[in-house]
Amino acid sequence: MDEARARELLGVAGLTGRAELLALGENAVFAVGDGLVVKVGRSAELLPRAERELGIAGWLAEADVPAVRAAEPEPRVAEGHPVTVWHRLPAAARPAGAGDLAELLRVVHALPVPPFELPARDLLGGVERWLRLAGDAIDPADAAYLRARRDAFAAEAAALVPQLPPGPIHGDALPRNVHVGPEGPVLVDLETFSADFREHDLVVMTLSRDRYGLPPAEYDAFVAGYGWDVRDWPGCAVLRGARETASCAWVAQHAPSNPAALAEFGRRVASLREGATEVRWHAF
């Protein structure tokens, strides 16, 4: 789904008028109307996830957790694509830091399970869909390699024993998913909320440090704010490897229409094949 197609779907959903594209990834995200943000799902497969995300937003609001708030409780559907409507956050007071993320994760990790079922963190579940969307743009041998790597890490992850008590997690815990407004930091992008090992939310930051150039001082601030370093847990390398696999496949879906994505996919898959853990990946 490109920007033009996403704009068509906005109209089908009854959202007409000026729309400013904010992001184009799993969803096309637009600022529309007076203080609203709309997310258009890339495919009909994302409808159940969109419904769950809105339920999570309502649950977090009831628990008074600082998070983005839904403007409509149910998704609209445009030719099968989910379209969700949200209140737009005020302008950022400053960039979010690792310490802000740690503060919010401590709040989330203290929550009991909600009155509805949260899925397990299916970290590797999107790999097949992303590779399918990549199609002939990527080398079939690379796709086969990632599928085999996915299967191996899925088996290893199933045998892990957590150190922290399992429960609600954000699922994609990065500073980019925190917005610091006038009243402080709030969580955004709730679609990966799950009930699983709390360690999932912490391993993300180790990968940011080692692959994406997060300064060591920022990682140390995250550890200090949360109160524990997940690298001390024996299962850290397994969850990290699974996330690397998923992150590599995620980029592949953009390869057919974006040469920069194809180049980044090549960089990532080559570093995995070679075991080159020092190769820097670029956020996409």
Protein backbone atom coordinates (compact mmCIF):
# COMPACT_ATOMS: atom_id res chain seq x y z
CA MET A 1 0.00 0.00 0.00
CA ASP A 2 1.47 3.33 -1.08
CA GLU A 3 0.43 6.83 -0.04
CA ALA A 4 -1.99 7.25 -2.95
CA ARG A 5 -3.82 4.03 -2.09
CA ALA A 6 -3.96 5.00 1.59
CA ARG A 7 -5.53 8.34 0.66
CA GLU A 8 -8.15 6.53 -1.42
CA LEU A 9 -9.04 4.41 1.59
CA LEU A 10 -9.38 7.51 3.77
CA GLY A 11 -12.09 8.71 1.42
CA VAL A 12 -13.82 5.33 1.41
CA ALA A 13 -13.87 5.49 5.22
CA GLY A 14 -15.62 8.87 5.07
CA LEU A 15 -12.59 10.91 6.09
CA THR A 16 -12.38 13.64 3.50
CA GLY A 17 -10.56 16.94 3.42
CA ARG A 18 -6.94 17.78 4.02
CA ALA A 19 -4.78 14.93 5.32
CA GLU A 20 -1.09 15.23 6.16
CA LEU A 21 0.94 12.01 5.91
CA LEU A 22 2.91 11.47 9.12
CA ALA A 23 4.26 7.94 8.60
CA LEU A 24 4.03 5.04 6.16
CA GLY A 25 4.80 1.59 7.55
CA GLU A 26 2.51 -1.17 8.80
CA ASN A 27 -0.06 1.64 8.78
CA ALA A 28 -0.35 4.88 6.84
CA VAL A 29 -0.74 7.55 9.51
CA PHE A 30 -2.39 10.87 8.67
CA ALA A 31 -3.22 14.02 10.59
CA VAL A 32 -6.79 14.99 9.66
CA GLY A 33 -9.44 17.43 10.74
CA ASP A 34 -9.30 19.19 14.06
CA GLY A 35 -6.89 17.39 16.36
CA LEU A 36 -7.26 13.87 14.98
CA VAL A 37 -4.86 11.21 13.69
CA VAL A 38 -6.00 8.35 11.47
CA LYS A 39 -4.23 5.03 10.91
CA VAL A 40 -4.97 3.09 7.74
CA GLY A 41 -3.94 -0.57 7.97
CA ARG A 42 -1.80 -1.98 5.17
CA SER A 43 -4.03 -5.04 4.72
CA ALA A 44 -7.30 -6.63 5.85
CA GLU A 45 -5.25 -9.06 7.94
CA LEU A 46 -4.63 -6.22 10.38
CA LEU A 47 -8.31 -5.70 11.29
CA PRO A 48 -8.28 -7.94 14.40
CA ARG A 49 -5.14 -6.19 15.62
CA ALA A 50 -6.73 -2.77 15.09
CA GLU A 51 -9.79 -3.85 17.09
CA ARG A 52 -7.56 -5.08 19.90
CA GLU A 53 -5.50 -1.88 19.87
CA LEU A 54 -8.62 0.21 20.44
CA GLY A 55 -9.63 -2.07 23.31
CA ILE A 56 -6.19 -1.68 24.84
CA ALA A 57 -6.43 2.11 24.55
CA GLY A 58 -9.70 2.07 26.47
CA TRP A 59 -8.26 -0.21 29.14
CA LEU A 60 -5.19 2.00 29.61
CA ALA A 61 -7.41 5.07 29.86
CA GLU A 62 -9.44 3.42 32.63
CA ALA A 63 -6.21 2.50 34.45
CA ASP A 64 -4.99 6.12 34.06
CA VAL A 65 -1.84 5.00 32.24
CA PRO A 66 -0.35 7.84 30.18
CA ALA A 67 -1.01 6.70 26.61
CA VAL A 68 -2.54 7.86 23.36
CA ARG A 69 -6.36 7.94 23.48
CA ALA A 70 -8.77 6.65 20.83
CA ALA A 71 -11.32 9.07 19.39
CA GLU A 72 -13.59 6.25 18.19
CA PRO A 73 -14.01 2.91 20.05
CA GLU A 74 -14.26 0.73 16.93
CA PRO A 75 -12.36 0.73 13.62
CA ARG A 76 -13.93 1.85 10.40
CA VAL A 77 -13.41 -0.57 7.52
CA ALA A 78 -12.51 0.60 4.03
CA GLU A 79 -12.46 -2.16 1.41
CA GLY A 80 -11.33 -4.54 4.15
CA HIS A 81 -8.62 -2.24 5.54
CA PRO A 82 -8.95 -1.14 9.18
CA VAL A 83 -9.10 2.62 9.71
CA THR A 84 -8.77 3.83 13.30
CA VAL A 85 -9.23 7.37 14.62
CA TRP A 86 -7.21 8.84 17.50
CA HIS A 87 -6.85 12.09 19.39
CA ARG A 88 -3.77 13.92 18.21
CA LEU A 89 -1.17 14.55 20.89
CA PRO A 90 0.03 18.10 21.60
CA ALA A 91 3.36 19.21 20.22
CA ALA A 92 6.35 17.53 21.85
CA ALA A 93 8.02 19.47 24.64
CA ARG A 94 11.28 17.64 23.96
CA PRO A 95 12.52 14.39 22.41
CA ALA A 96 11.77 11.22 24.38
CA GLY A 97 14.72 9.53 26.06
CA ALA A 98 15.44 6.07 27.35
CA GLY A 99 14.65 7.18 30.89
CA ASP A 100 11.14 8.26 29.82
CA LEU A 101 10.57 4.83 28.33
CA ALA A 102 11.79 3.09 31.48
CA GLU A 103 9.39 5.15 33.59
CA LEU A 104 6.40 4.13 31.47
CA LEU A 105 7.42 0.48 31.30
CA ARG A 106 7.51 0.30 35.09
CA VAL A 107 3.89 1.51 35.10
CA VAL A 108 2.81 -0.95 32.40
CA HIS A 109 4.64 -3.87 33.99
CA ALA A 110 2.85 -3.23 37.28
CA LEU A 111 -0.58 -3.68 35.65
CA PRO A 112 -2.66 -6.79 36.21
CA VAL A 113 -4.00 -8.60 33.17
CA PRO A 114 -6.95 -6.78 31.56
CA PRO A 115 -10.54 -8.08 31.58
CA PHE A 116 -10.06 -9.29 27.99
CA GLU A 117 -7.51 -11.64 26.48
CA LEU A 118 -4.18 -10.27 25.35
CA PRO A 119 -2.20 -12.42 22.92
CA ALA A 120 1.30 -13.66 23.55
CA ARG A 121 4.02 -11.52 21.96
CA ASP A 122 4.15 -13.16 18.56
CA LEU A 123 7.46 -11.60 17.69
CA LEU A 124 8.07 -13.82 14.68
CA GLY A 125 4.49 -14.09 13.46
CA GLY A 126 4.80 -11.35 10.85
CA VAL A 127 7.88 -12.81 9.16
CA GLU A 128 5.96 -14.87 6.61
CA ARG A 129 3.66 -12.01 5.66
CA TRP A 130 6.54 -9.54 5.28
CA LEU A 131 8.52 -11.95 3.12
CA ARG A 132 5.45 -12.63 1.00
CA LEU A 133 4.96 -8.90 0.46
CA ALA A 134 8.62 -8.63 -0.56
CA GLY A 135 8.02 -11.13 -3.35
CA ASP A 136 10.61 -11.29 -6.11
CA ALA A 137 12.32 -8.10 -4.93
CA ILE A 138 14.52 -10.12 -2.58
CA ASP A 139 16.71 -13.16 -3.20
CA PRO A 140 14.72 -16.39 -2.54
CA ALA A 141 17.78 -17.73 -0.72
CA ASP A 142 17.60 -14.83 1.74
CA ALA A 143 13.91 -15.46 2.32
CA ALA A 144 14.60 -19.15 2.96
CA TYR A 145 17.40 -18.24 5.36
CA LEU A 146 15.11 -15.97 7.38
CA ARG A 147 12.38 -18.61 7.51
CA ALA A 148 14.86 -21.17 8.85
CA ARG A 149 16.21 -18.65 11.36
CA ARG A 150 12.65 -17.83 12.44
CA ASP A 151 11.87 -21.49 13.08
CA ALA A 152 15.06 -22.05 15.07
CA PHE A 153 14.52 -19.04 17.33
CA ALA A 154 10.84 -19.88 17.82
CA ALA A 155 11.85 -23.29 19.17
CA GLU A 156 14.49 -21.78 21.47
CA ALA A 157 12.14 -19.08 22.75
CA ALA A 158 9.50 -21.67 23.64
CA ALA A 159 11.95 -23.23 26.12
CA LEU A 160 12.90 -20.01 27.94
CA VAL A 161 12.22 -19.45 31.64
CA PRO A 162 11.64 -15.78 32.54
CA GLN A 163 13.22 -14.03 35.49
CA LEU A 164 10.45 -11.42 35.80
CA PRO A 165 6.79 -12.34 36.38
CA PRO A 166 4.96 -12.43 33.03
CA GLY A 167 2.13 -9.99 32.34
CA PRO A 168 1.14 -7.03 30.14
CA ILE A 169 3.90 -5.59 27.95
CA HIS A 170 4.07 -2.90 25.28
CA GLY A 171 5.76 -5.21 22.79
CA ASP A 172 7.72 -2.59 20.84
CA ALA A 173 9.30 -0.61 23.67
CA LEU A 174 11.42 2.09 22.07
CA PRO A 175 11.81 5.81 22.79
CA ARG A 176 10.22 6.51 19.40
CA ASN A 177 7.00 5.06 20.85
CA VAL A 178 7.02 7.62 23.64
CA HIS A 179 5.78 11.18 23.17
CA VAL A 180 6.78 13.78 25.73
CA GLY A 181 4.09 16.44 25.84
CA PRO A 182 3.45 19.31 28.25
CA GLU A 183 2.20 16.88 30.91
CA GLY A 184 5.02 14.37 30.53
CA PRO A 185 5.71 11.16 28.60
CA VAL A 186 2.91 9.04 27.11
CA LEU A 187 2.97 5.72 25.25
CA VAL A 188 1.96 5.54 21.60
CA ASP A 189 1.59 2.69 19.07
CA LEU A 190 -0.32 0.23 21.23
CA GLU A 191 -0.89 -2.43 18.58
CA THR A 192 1.79 -4.81 19.87
CA PHE A 193 0.52 -4.86 23.48
CA SER A 194 0.68 -8.44 24.71
CA ALA A 195 0.73 -10.64 27.78
CA ASP A 196 4.11 -12.34 27.88
CA PHE A 197 7.61 -12.19 29.33
CA ARG A 198 8.37 -8.67 30.56
CA GLU A 199 11.86 -9.32 29.22
CA HIS A 200 10.52 -8.73 25.68
CA ASP A 201 10.20 -5.02 26.45
CA LEU A 202 13.74 -4.83 27.76
CA VAL A 203 15.56 -6.76 25.06
CA VAL A 204 14.42 -4.18 22.51
CA MET A 205 16.76 -1.64 24.03
CA THR A 206 19.77 -3.96 23.95
CA LEU A 207 19.26 -4.24 20.20
CA SER A 208 18.96 -0.47 19.94
CA ARG A 209 22.29 -0.12 21.71
CA ASP A 210 24.12 -2.73 19.66
CA ARG A 211 22.56 -2.33 16.20
CA TYR A 212 21.01 1.13 15.92
CA GLY A 213 23.56 3.32 17.67
CA LEU A 214 21.79 4.10 20.94
CA PRO A 215 24.50 5.77 23.06
CA PRO A 216 25.68 3.54 25.93
CA ALA A 217 24.85 6.33 28.37
CA GLU A 218 21.23 6.26 27.19
CA TYR A 219 21.09 2.51 27.66
CA ASP A 220 22.53 2.92 31.15
CA ALA A 221 19.82 5.50 31.90
CA PHE A 222 17.21 3.00 30.76
CA VAL A 223 18.60 0.30 33.04
CA ALA A 224 18.80 2.70 35.98
CA GLY A 225 15.23 3.88 35.40
CA TYR A 226 13.81 0.39 35.13
CA GLY A 227 15.97 -1.14 37.83
CA TRP A 228 17.34 -4.23 36.08
CA ASP A 229 19.57 -5.07 33.11
CA VAL A 230 18.04 -7.81 30.96
CA ARG A 231 21.52 -8.73 29.70
CA ASP A 232 21.99 -10.48 33.05
CA TRP A 233 19.26 -12.95 32.01
CA PRO A 234 20.42 -16.10 30.15
CA GLY A 235 17.54 -15.86 27.67
CA CYS A 236 18.47 -12.39 26.44
CA ALA A 237 20.43 -13.61 23.41
CA VAL A 238 17.50 -15.76 22.23
CA LEU A 239 14.93 -12.96 22.33
CA ARG A 240 17.43 -10.59 20.76
CA GLY A 241 18.09 -13.01 17.90
CA ALA A 242 14.38 -13.48 17.32
CA ARG A 243 13.85 -9.73 17.20
CA GLU A 244 16.74 -9.26 14.77
CA THR A 245 15.14 -11.85 12.50
CA ALA A 246 11.79 -10.09 12.62
CA SER A 247 13.36 -6.66 12.07
CA CYS A 248 15.19 -7.90 9.00
CA ALA A 249 12.03 -9.40 7.50
CA TRP A 250 10.01 -6.27 8.31
CA VAL A 251 12.23 -4.15 6.05
CA ALA A 252 11.78 -6.65 3.21
CA GLN A 253 8.10 -5.75 2.73
CA HIS A 254 9.12 -2.27 1.54
CA ALA A 255 11.74 -3.54 -0.92
CA PRO A 256 9.49 -3.79 -4.02
CA SER A 257 8.87 -0.04 -4.10
CA ASN A 258 11.78 1.46 -2.18
CA PRO A 259 15.43 1.02 -3.23
CA ALA A 260 16.62 2.26 0.17
CA ALA A 261 14.65 -0.49 1.88
CA LEU A 262 16.13 -3.09 -0.45
CA ALA A 263 19.65 -1.86 0.35
CA GLU A 264 18.93 -1.90 4.08
CA PHE A 265 17.49 -5.41 3.84
CA GLY A 266 20.68 -6.53 2.12
CA ARG A 267 22.80 -4.98 4.86
CA ARG A 268 20.78 -6.66 7.60
CA VAL A 269 20.55 -10.13 6.15
CA ALA A 270 24.25 -10.17 5.24
CA SER A 271 25.22 -9.24 8.80
CA LEU A 272 23.03 -12.03 10.17
CA ARG A 273 24.49 -14.59 7.78
CA GLU A 274 28.04 -13.54 8.71
CA GLY A 275 27.38 -13.26 12.44
CA ALA A 276 28.63 -9.67 12.22
CA THR A 277 27.02 -8.29 15.37
CA GLU A 278 28.98 -5.03 15.06
CA VAL A 279 27.35 -4.01 11.74
CA ARG A 280 25.20 -0.93 12.26
CA TRP A 281 21.59 -1.11 11.05
CA HIS A 282 19.72 2.01 10.00
CA ALA A 283 16.26 2.75 11.36
CA PHE A 284 13.67 2.61 8.59
